[in-house]
């Protein structure tokens, strides 16, 4: 039987060459390949559709692009690497001197052997991305260069994928990744495949406590469009995961949700601490991926990200060196296992709610208080059962899972569950 790492490798090699962008056939092909893993539904949003402050752009199609010298030799060729073409470049067929071409040619500021990744989504423009050696060849050409970009921008649609998995509760967990990046393995092909494999894992669970909303969208505009089209459902979600940059060889880390006190962060930290003691914690900020959309004021979903070599943090970011020699199935599988453990943990969470939320419960009335009071000095004693009862009733608001209460009180889960059962029997707690 093929293992997960080998299977991931096969899909990495199939999906890596596709020239994905905000829209177009490579995105649909990507989603169709993912349908081999999970039966997601592919949706289309027409060009020109308004989604909040944004408008879905025209569909972009690439046939070819190159820069050739006077002998016809292609110094830069899209067919050799699709990162050579600035994404959403408009067509051109012209002969240009280097002085005219220079402003449309981009090289990596730190990596001479890398092709940078550049885009021009929302402003009509064109351009090429090259290595330092190619840049020098072009700059040394004294004769006009033939510049050809065979692309088409016309009304069409933007594609996204959706997979809904019902559970015992109608309360949903959101899992999102983005499909708009061309040939870069960590950012974010690794996230696309981990999300697909995680969705398959969830679909095979015999029981699901939560329902799951799993989506594959173009970054930013796709997430915005999804929120606009599914506003009611998105508004009802409390927390979720944005899966990106999960396949690098570097350190494990996670980006916190916008509310660092939300339980999802403590749960992730507990899991990561078992894997790597020196994992990196990134506080929430407004730069990054689609957590910016899901956590915006209308929705405020606490979305966190577990990653390896997070975007911005590794030198190959947004370049051709983020390839299949940098990322492989075994590395993605390591992060996949952590996400699986997180899902298993989330599925086991239990939430309780105090039945008396207005001030403190009268413990003596429920035969939970010593017959003689006044002798305690909490500052100089360990937690008694009464202390634990008071903390448990104080913290049980239906939002903090019992597992985190046990961690907070530094007591064993089995003992806390014993007290929970006692309080339920007395009508003081109920499971949410």
Foldseek 3Di string as FASTA:
>chain_A
DDDQQVVQQVVQVVLQAQQFAQADDNLVVNVVVLCVLPVWDKDWDWFQDDQPPDTRFFHKDFDWWFKAAPVRHTLQTCVVPVQFWAAPADWDWDWAQCVVQVVQEAEDPPAQQWFFHHYDGPDHHIHTTDHNVSVVVRNPRGGTMTTTTDMDTDIDTGMKIKDKFAAPDAAEAEEEEEDRHHNFVQFFVLQVVLLSNVVSVVVPDPHFHHIYIYMYHHWPVGLSNVCRVPVVNLQRHAAYEYEGRAFFPAAKEKEWFQPNPAVLNVLLVVLVCVVDVPYYYHYDDCDDTCSVVSCPPSRNYGYMYIHGCGAPRDPCHRINVSHCVRGGSVRSVVSSVSVVVSSVVVRPFWAKAFPDPPDFDPCVVLVRDDPDDDPDDVVPDQDDLSNLVRLCNNPRHRRHTLVVSCVVSVHDSVVSVVSVVVCVVSVGMDID
